[in-house]
Amino acid sequence: MITLVVLAVGLTIATVSDIRWRRIPNAVTLPLALFALAVNGLVPNTPPARPAPMNAPITAGLQSIWPTHLDGRMPPNAEQWRSSLAGTIGLRESILGFLACGAIMLAPYALAQQGAGDTKLAAAIGACAGTECGILCLAYTYALAGLVALAIFVVTRHRLRSNSMSTPTAAAAPRLPLAPFLSVGYALAAIAPPPFTFW
């Protein structure tokens, strides 16, 4: 629950900053990533009997509100209760999520001159949510951003042709702030994961 709340606050601040000023400050991304790594390193992750789903941070947050499992059973020990309260996924999974999401975002950063803040925010999401949820978040993010960019491009091109202001080739794909799409992408990945796993 704690990790979920901190991540939600960080994503909200990053979204507002990216929309208004087209930048995501290091004061948001770096503390968020460090917090996730620290919490997962200090609070042991006690897994349930069955494999944890991709929306484990959401489930852990719900469990921390009322001290029962979702099926009504009490947590078997204090370690699992603390793990549910903190919303931990384990230090290894947090590091892997940080590295995986950061590495994936290096390609658009290098090739498309995407902002470094987007890369750092994605890495922080991976540190909070883990590898699988983080990668799915990025997939949702770019799918949504691509659809919105395509819609804006088509509308802009149509207006240019209708007003005879320029040739159709003058319309360019818009540069969109990515933090809002990362926020929505994480929400979709955490709340409504697909019925399969990547590995």
C-alpha atoms as a PDB file:
ATOM      1  CA  MET A   1       0.000   0.000   0.000  1.00  0.00           C
ATOM      2  CA  ILE A   2       2.793   2.437   0.882  1.00  0.00           C
ATOM      3  CA  THR A   3       4.657   1.841  -2.376  1.00  0.00           C
ATOM      4  CA  LEU A   4       1.408   2.190  -4.320  1.00  0.00           C
ATOM      5  CA  VAL A   5       0.602   5.537  -2.690  1.00  0.00           C
ATOM      6  CA  VAL A   6       4.102   6.909  -3.234  1.00  0.00           C
ATOM      7  CA  LEU A   7       4.071   5.787  -6.875  1.00  0.00           C
ATOM      8  CA  ALA A   8       0.645   7.369  -7.435  1.00  0.00           C
ATOM      9  CA  VAL A   9       1.856  10.680  -5.979  1.00  0.00           C
ATOM     10  CA  GLY A  10       5.024  10.586  -8.070  1.00  0.00           C
ATOM     11  CA  LEU A  11       3.133   9.842 -11.272  1.00  0.00           C
ATOM     12  CA  THR A  12       0.673  12.648 -10.563  1.00  0.00           C
ATOM     13  CA  ILE A  13       3.449  15.204 -10.040  1.00  0.00           C
ATOM     14  CA  ALA A  14       5.323  13.978 -13.118  1.00  0.00           C
ATOM     15  CA  THR A  15       2.171  14.162 -15.243  1.00  0.00           C
ATOM     16  CA  VAL A  16       1.364  17.729 -14.215  1.00  0.00           C
ATOM     17  CA  SER A  17       4.968  18.835 -14.744  1.00  0.00           C
ATOM     18  CA  ASP A  18       5.221  17.155 -18.143  1.00  0.00           C
ATOM     19  CA  ILE A  19       1.966  18.671 -19.374  1.00  0.00           C
ATOM     20  CA  ARG A  20       2.752  22.191 -18.173  1.00  0.00           C
ATOM     21  CA  TRP A  21       6.504  22.453 -18.694  1.00  0.00           C
ATOM     22  CA  ARG A  22       7.383  19.438 -20.868  1.00  0.00           C
ATOM     23  CA  ARG A  23       9.879  18.130 -18.330  1.00  0.00           C
ATOM     24  CA  ILE A  24       9.934  15.558 -15.561  1.00  0.00           C
ATOM     25  CA  PRO A  25      12.210  16.731 -12.733  1.00  0.00           C
ATOM     26  CA  ASN A  26      14.873  14.511 -11.205  1.00  0.00           C
ATOM     27  CA  ALA A  27      13.432  15.498  -7.841  1.00  0.00           C
ATOM     28  CA  VAL A  28      10.513  13.182  -8.653  1.00  0.00           C
ATOM     29  CA  THR A  29      12.033  10.262 -10.541  1.00  0.00           C
ATOM     30  CA  LEU A  30      15.227   9.635  -8.579  1.00  0.00           C
ATOM     31  CA  PRO A  31      13.652   9.647  -5.074  1.00  0.00           C
ATOM     32  CA  LEU A  32      10.843   7.436  -6.384  1.00  0.00           C
ATOM     33  CA  ALA A  33      13.277   4.825  -7.706  1.00  0.00           C
ATOM     34  CA  LEU A  34      15.457   4.988  -4.579  1.00  0.00           C
ATOM     35  CA  PHE A  35      12.403   4.659  -2.346  1.00  0.00           C
ATOM     36  CA  ALA A  36      11.215   1.552  -4.199  1.00  0.00           C
ATOM     37  CA  LEU A  37      14.640  -0.085  -4.029  1.00  0.00           C
ATOM     38  CA  ALA A  38      15.051   0.814  -0.352  1.00  0.00           C
ATOM     39  CA  VAL A  39      11.621  -0.466   0.702  1.00  0.00           C
ATOM     40  CA  ASN A  40      12.057  -3.705  -1.208  1.00  0.00           C
ATOM     41  CA  GLY A  41      15.501  -4.134   0.302  1.00  0.00           C
ATOM     42  CA  LEU A  42      14.464  -3.434   3.894  1.00  0.00           C
ATOM     43  CA  VAL A  43      11.060  -5.139   4.006  1.00  0.00           C
ATOM     44  CA  PRO A  44      11.250  -8.851   3.121  1.00  0.00           C
ATOM     45  CA  ASN A  45       8.787  -9.975   0.512  1.00  0.00           C
ATOM     46  CA  THR A  46       6.789 -12.968   1.741  1.00  0.00           C
ATOM     47  CA  PRO A  47       5.088 -14.492  -1.301  1.00  0.00           C
ATOM     48  CA  PRO A  48       1.696 -16.180  -1.080  1.00  0.00           C
ATOM     49  CA  ALA A  49       1.259 -19.891  -1.610  1.00  0.00           C
ATOM     50  CA  ARG A  50       0.409 -19.405  -5.270  1.00  0.00           C
ATOM     51  CA  PRO A  51       2.382 -17.264  -7.766  1.00  0.00           C
ATOM     52  CA  ALA A  52       1.752 -13.547  -7.361  1.00  0.00           C
ATOM     53  CA  PRO A  53      -0.263 -11.960 -10.197  1.00  0.00           C
ATOM     54  CA  MET A  54       0.928  -8.982 -12.187  1.00  0.00           C
ATOM     55  CA  ASN A  55      -1.308  -6.706 -10.121  1.00  0.00           C
ATOM     56  CA  ALA A  56       0.395  -7.750  -6.883  1.00  0.00           C
ATOM     57  CA  PRO A  57       1.012  -4.113  -5.777  1.00  0.00           C
ATOM     58  CA  ILE A  58      -2.732  -3.392  -6.050  1.00  0.00           C
ATOM     59  CA  THR A  59      -3.622  -6.609  -4.217  1.00  0.00           C
ATOM     60  CA  ALA A  60      -1.084  -5.842  -1.505  1.00  0.00           C
ATOM     61  CA  GLY A  61      -2.584  -2.386  -1.080  1.00  0.00           C
ATOM     62  CA  LEU A  62      -6.080  -3.802  -0.661  1.00  0.00           C
ATOM     63  CA  GLN A  63      -4.819  -6.325   1.862  1.00  0.00           C
ATOM     64  CA  SER A  64      -3.178  -3.600   3.917  1.00  0.00           C
ATOM     65  CA  ILE A  65      -6.514  -1.813   4.390  1.00  0.00           C
ATOM     66  CA  TRP A  66      -8.055  -4.862   6.067  1.00  0.00           C
ATOM     67  CA  PRO A  67      -5.836  -7.569   7.593  1.00  0.00           C
ATOM     68  CA  THR A  68      -7.119 -10.479   5.533  1.00  0.00           C
ATOM     69  CA  HIS A  69      -6.314 -12.105   2.245  1.00  0.00           C
ATOM     70  CA  LEU A  70      -8.773 -11.452  -0.559  1.00  0.00           C
ATOM     71  CA  ASP A  71     -10.226 -14.905   0.104  1.00  0.00           C
ATOM     72  CA  GLY A  72     -10.815 -14.051   3.782  1.00  0.00           C
ATOM     73  CA  ARG A  73      -7.843 -15.830   5.362  1.00  0.00           C
ATOM     74  CA  MET A  74      -5.627 -14.014   7.858  1.00  0.00           C
ATOM     75  CA  PRO A  75      -1.969 -13.425   6.937  1.00  0.00           C
ATOM     76  CA  PRO A  76       0.013 -16.378   8.335  1.00  0.00           C
ATOM     77  CA  ASN A  77       2.752 -14.275   9.909  1.00  0.00           C
ATOM     78  CA  ALA A  78       3.906 -10.748  10.664  1.00  0.00           C
ATOM     79  CA  GLU A  79       6.414 -10.734   7.801  1.00  0.00           C
ATOM     80  CA  GLN A  80       3.704 -11.227   5.215  1.00  0.00           C
ATOM     81  CA  TRP A  81       1.587  -8.537   6.880  1.00  0.00           C
ATOM     82  CA  ARG A  82       4.474  -6.040   6.705  1.00  0.00           C
ATOM     83  CA  SER A  83       5.113  -7.053   3.097  1.00  0.00           C
ATOM     84  CA  SER A  84       1.443  -6.435   2.227  1.00  0.00           C
ATOM     85  CA  LEU A  85       1.449  -3.072   3.998  1.00  0.00           C
ATOM     86  CA  ALA A  86       4.584  -1.902   2.199  1.00  0.00           C
ATOM     87  CA  GLY A  87       3.510  -3.361  -1.147  1.00  0.00           C
ATOM     88  CA  THR A  88       6.899  -4.961  -1.704  1.00  0.00           C
ATOM     89  CA  ILE A  89       7.840  -7.219  -4.605  1.00  0.00           C
ATOM     90  CA  GLY A  90      11.330  -8.188  -3.456  1.00  0.00           C
ATOM     91  CA  LEU A  91      14.679  -6.470  -3.976  1.00  0.00           C
ATOM     92  CA  ARG A  92      15.692  -8.714  -6.876  1.00  0.00           C
ATOM     93  CA  GLU A  93      12.449  -8.083  -8.760  1.00  0.00           C
ATOM     94  CA  SER A  94      12.665  -4.353  -8.045  1.00  0.00           C
ATOM     95  CA  ILE A  95      16.203  -4.151  -9.453  1.00  0.00           C
ATOM     96  CA  LEU A  96      15.272  -6.213 -12.503  1.00  0.00           C
ATOM     97  CA  GLY A  97      12.232  -4.013 -13.144  1.00  0.00           C
ATOM     98  CA  PHE A  98      14.351  -0.872 -12.831  1.00  0.00           C
ATOM     99  CA  LEU A  99      16.972  -2.168 -15.268  1.00  0.00           C
ATOM    100  CA  ALA A 100      14.521  -3.682 -17.755  1.00  0.00           C
ATOM    101  CA  CYS A 101      12.275  -0.633 -18.083  1.00  0.00           C
ATOM    102  CA  GLY A 102      15.236   1.737 -18.156  1.00  0.00           C
ATOM    103  CA  ALA A 103      16.946  -0.321 -20.866  1.00  0.00           C
ATOM    104  CA  ILE A 104      13.810  -0.461 -23.011  1.00  0.00           C
ATOM    105  CA  MET A 105      13.444   3.314 -22.819  1.00  0.00           C
ATOM    106  CA  LEU A 106      17.045   3.900 -23.892  1.00  0.00           C
ATOM    107  CA  ALA A 107      16.129   3.130 -27.513  1.00  0.00           C
ATOM    108  CA  PRO A 108      13.542   5.928 -27.958  1.00  0.00           C
ATOM    109  CA  TYR A 109      15.782   8.232 -25.917  1.00  0.00           C
ATOM    110  CA  ALA A 110      18.730   7.675 -28.257  1.00  0.00           C
ATOM    111  CA  LEU A 111      16.886   7.372 -31.578  1.00  0.00           C
ATOM    112  CA  ALA A 112      13.953   9.757 -31.193  1.00  0.00           C
ATOM    113  CA  GLN A 113      15.619  12.235 -28.815  1.00  0.00           C
ATOM    114  CA  GLN A 114      12.982  11.505 -26.210  1.00  0.00           C
ATOM    115  CA  GLY A 115      13.436  13.243 -22.879  1.00  0.00           C
ATOM    116  CA  ALA A 116      15.646  11.635 -20.250  1.00  0.00           C
ATOM    117  CA  GLY A 117      12.922  12.275 -17.685  1.00  0.00           C
ATOM    118  CA  ASP A 118      10.656   9.785 -19.455  1.00  0.00           C
ATOM    119  CA  THR A 119      13.387   7.150 -19.246  1.00  0.00           C
ATOM    120  CA  LYS A 120      13.966   7.781 -15.537  1.00  0.00           C
ATOM    121  CA  LEU A 121      10.246   7.728 -14.773  1.00  0.00           C
ATOM    122  CA  ALA A 122       9.808   4.410 -16.592  1.00  0.00           C
ATOM    123  CA  ALA A 123      12.742   2.941 -14.661  1.00  0.00           C
ATOM    124  CA  ALA A 124      11.178   4.130 -11.397  1.00  0.00           C
ATOM    125  CA  ILE A 125       7.891   2.462 -12.339  1.00  0.00           C
ATOM    126  CA  GLY A 126       9.794  -0.753 -12.995  1.00  0.00           C
ATOM    127  CA  ALA A 127      11.443  -0.497  -9.572  1.00  0.00           C
ATOM    128  CA  CYS A 128       8.036  -0.103  -7.924  1.00  0.00           C
ATOM    129  CA  ALA A 129       6.002  -2.582  -9.954  1.00  0.00           C
ATOM    130  CA  GLY A 130       8.525  -5.175 -11.123  1.00  0.00           C
ATOM    131  CA  THR A 131       9.657  -6.424 -14.506  1.00  0.00           C
ATOM    132  CA  GLU A 132       6.478  -7.911 -15.896  1.00  0.00           C
ATOM    133  CA  CYS A 133       4.114  -5.143 -14.849  1.00  0.00           C
ATOM    134  CA  GLY A 134       6.669  -2.500 -15.888  1.00  0.00           C
ATOM    135  CA  ILE A 135       7.114  -3.917 -19.387  1.00  0.00           C
ATOM    136  CA  LEU A 136       3.356  -4.213 -19.864  1.00  0.00           C
ATOM    137  CA  CYS A 137       3.040  -0.608 -18.671  1.00  0.00           C
ATOM    138  CA  LEU A 138       5.425   0.514 -21.428  1.00  0.00           C
ATOM    139  CA  ALA A 139       3.487  -1.486 -24.020  1.00  0.00           C
ATOM    140  CA  TYR A 140       0.240   0.189 -23.001  1.00  0.00           C
ATOM    141  CA  THR A 141       1.992   3.567 -22.869  1.00  0.00           C
ATOM    142  CA  TYR A 142       3.280   3.529 -26.419  1.00  0.00           C
ATOM    143  CA  ALA A 143       0.102   1.984 -27.791  1.00  0.00           C
ATOM    144  CA  LEU A 144      -1.993   4.794 -26.303  1.00  0.00           C
ATOM    145  CA  ALA A 145       0.500   7.520 -27.209  1.00  0.00           C
ATOM    146  CA  GLY A 146       0.705   6.209 -30.770  1.00  0.00           C
ATOM    147  CA  LEU A 147      -3.059   6.275 -31.188  1.00  0.00           C
ATOM    148  CA  VAL A 148      -3.330   9.816 -29.835  1.00  0.00           C
ATOM    149  CA  ALA A 149      -0.422  11.048 -31.979  1.00  0.00           C
ATOM    150  CA  LEU A 150      -1.956   9.446 -35.069  1.00  0.00           C
ATOM    151  CA  ALA A 151      -5.334  11.056 -34.381  1.00  0.00           C
ATOM    152  CA  ILE A 152      -3.731  14.506 -33.934  1.00  0.00           C
ATOM    153  CA  PHE A 153      -1.682  14.028 -37.097  1.00  0.00           C
ATOM    154  CA  VAL A 154      -4.752  13.103 -39.166  1.00  0.00           C
ATOM    155  CA  VAL A 155      -6.789  16.036 -37.834  1.00  0.00           C
ATOM    156  CA  THR A 156      -3.933  18.506 -38.418  1.00  0.00           C
ATOM    157  CA  ARG A 157      -3.354  17.241 -41.934  1.00  0.00           C
ATOM    158  CA  HIS A 158      -7.060  17.507 -42.742  1.00  0.00           C
ATOM    159  CA  ARG A 159      -7.182  21.092 -41.494  1.00  0.00           C
ATOM    160  CA  LEU A 160      -4.151  22.077 -43.545  1.00  0.00           C
ATOM    161  CA  ARG A 161      -5.691  20.631 -46.685  1.00  0.00           C
ATOM    162  CA  SER A 162      -9.087  22.188 -46.000  1.00  0.00           C
ATOM    163  CA  ASN A 163      -7.650  25.668 -45.412  1.00  0.00           C
ATOM    164  CA  SER A 164      -5.149  25.391 -48.267  1.00  0.00           C
ATOM    165  CA  MET A 165      -2.511  26.774 -45.924  1.00  0.00           C
ATOM    166  CA  SER A 166       0.130  24.273 -46.904  1.00  0.00           C
ATOM    167  CA  THR A 167       0.707  20.941 -48.587  1.00  0.00           C
ATOM    168  CA  PRO A 168      -0.246  17.753 -46.737  1.00  0.00           C
ATOM    169  CA  THR A 169       3.396  16.911 -46.193  1.00  0.00           C
ATOM    170  CA  ALA A 170       3.729  19.928 -43.911  1.00  0.00           C
ATOM    171  CA  ALA A 171       1.833  18.188 -41.155  1.00  0.00           C
ATOM    172  CA  ALA A 172       4.198  16.630 -38.664  1.00  0.00           C
ATOM    173  CA  ALA A 173       3.644  14.097 -35.937  1.00  0.00           C
ATOM    174  CA  PRO A 174       3.136  15.944 -32.636  1.00  0.00           C
ATOM    175  CA  ARG A 175       5.496  15.598 -29.689  1.00  0.00           C
ATOM    176  CA  LEU A 176       3.392  14.504 -26.762  1.00  0.00           C
ATOM    177  CA  PRO A 177       4.211  14.547 -23.057  1.00  0.00           C
ATOM    178  CA  LEU A 178       4.768  10.907 -22.156  1.00  0.00           C
ATOM    179  CA  ALA A 179       4.180  11.030 -18.387  1.00  0.00           C
ATOM    180  CA  PRO A 180       0.353  11.018 -18.700  1.00  0.00           C
ATOM    181  CA  PHE A 181       0.536   7.919 -20.880  1.00  0.00           C
ATOM    182  CA  LEU A 182       2.946   6.242 -18.468  1.00  0.00           C
ATOM    183  CA  SER A 183       0.476   6.908 -15.661  1.00  0.00           C
ATOM    184  CA  VAL A 184      -2.461   5.443 -17.578  1.00  0.00           C
ATOM    185  CA  GLY A 185      -0.291   2.579 -18.828  1.00  0.00           C
ATOM    186  CA  TYR A 186       0.692   1.631 -15.299  1.00  0.00           C
ATOM    187  CA  ALA A 187      -2.919   1.781 -14.122  1.00  0.00           C
ATOM    188  CA  LEU A 188      -3.983  -0.557 -16.930  1.00  0.00           C
ATOM    189  CA  ALA A 189      -1.086  -2.940 -16.311  1.00  0.00           C
ATOM    190  CA  ALA A 190      -1.712  -3.082 -12.554  1.00  0.00           C
ATOM    191  CA  ILE A 191      -5.496  -3.256 -12.508  1.00  0.00           C
ATOM    192  CA  ALA A 192      -6.278  -5.218 -15.670  1.00  0.00           C
ATOM    193  CA  PRO A 193      -3.339  -7.489 -16.577  1.00  0.00           C
ATOM    194  CA  PRO A 194      -3.684  -9.916 -19.484  1.00  0.00           C
ATOM    195  CA  PRO A 195      -4.469 -13.600 -18.761  1.00  0.00           C
ATOM    196  CA  PHE A 196      -0.900 -14.652 -19.582  1.00  0.00           C
ATOM    197  CA  THR A 197       2.637 -14.033 -18.401  1.00  0.00           C
ATOM    198  CA  PHE A 198       5.758 -13.108 -20.334  1.00  0.00           C
ATOM    199  CA  TRP A 199       7.794 -15.893 -18.725  1.00  0.00           C
END
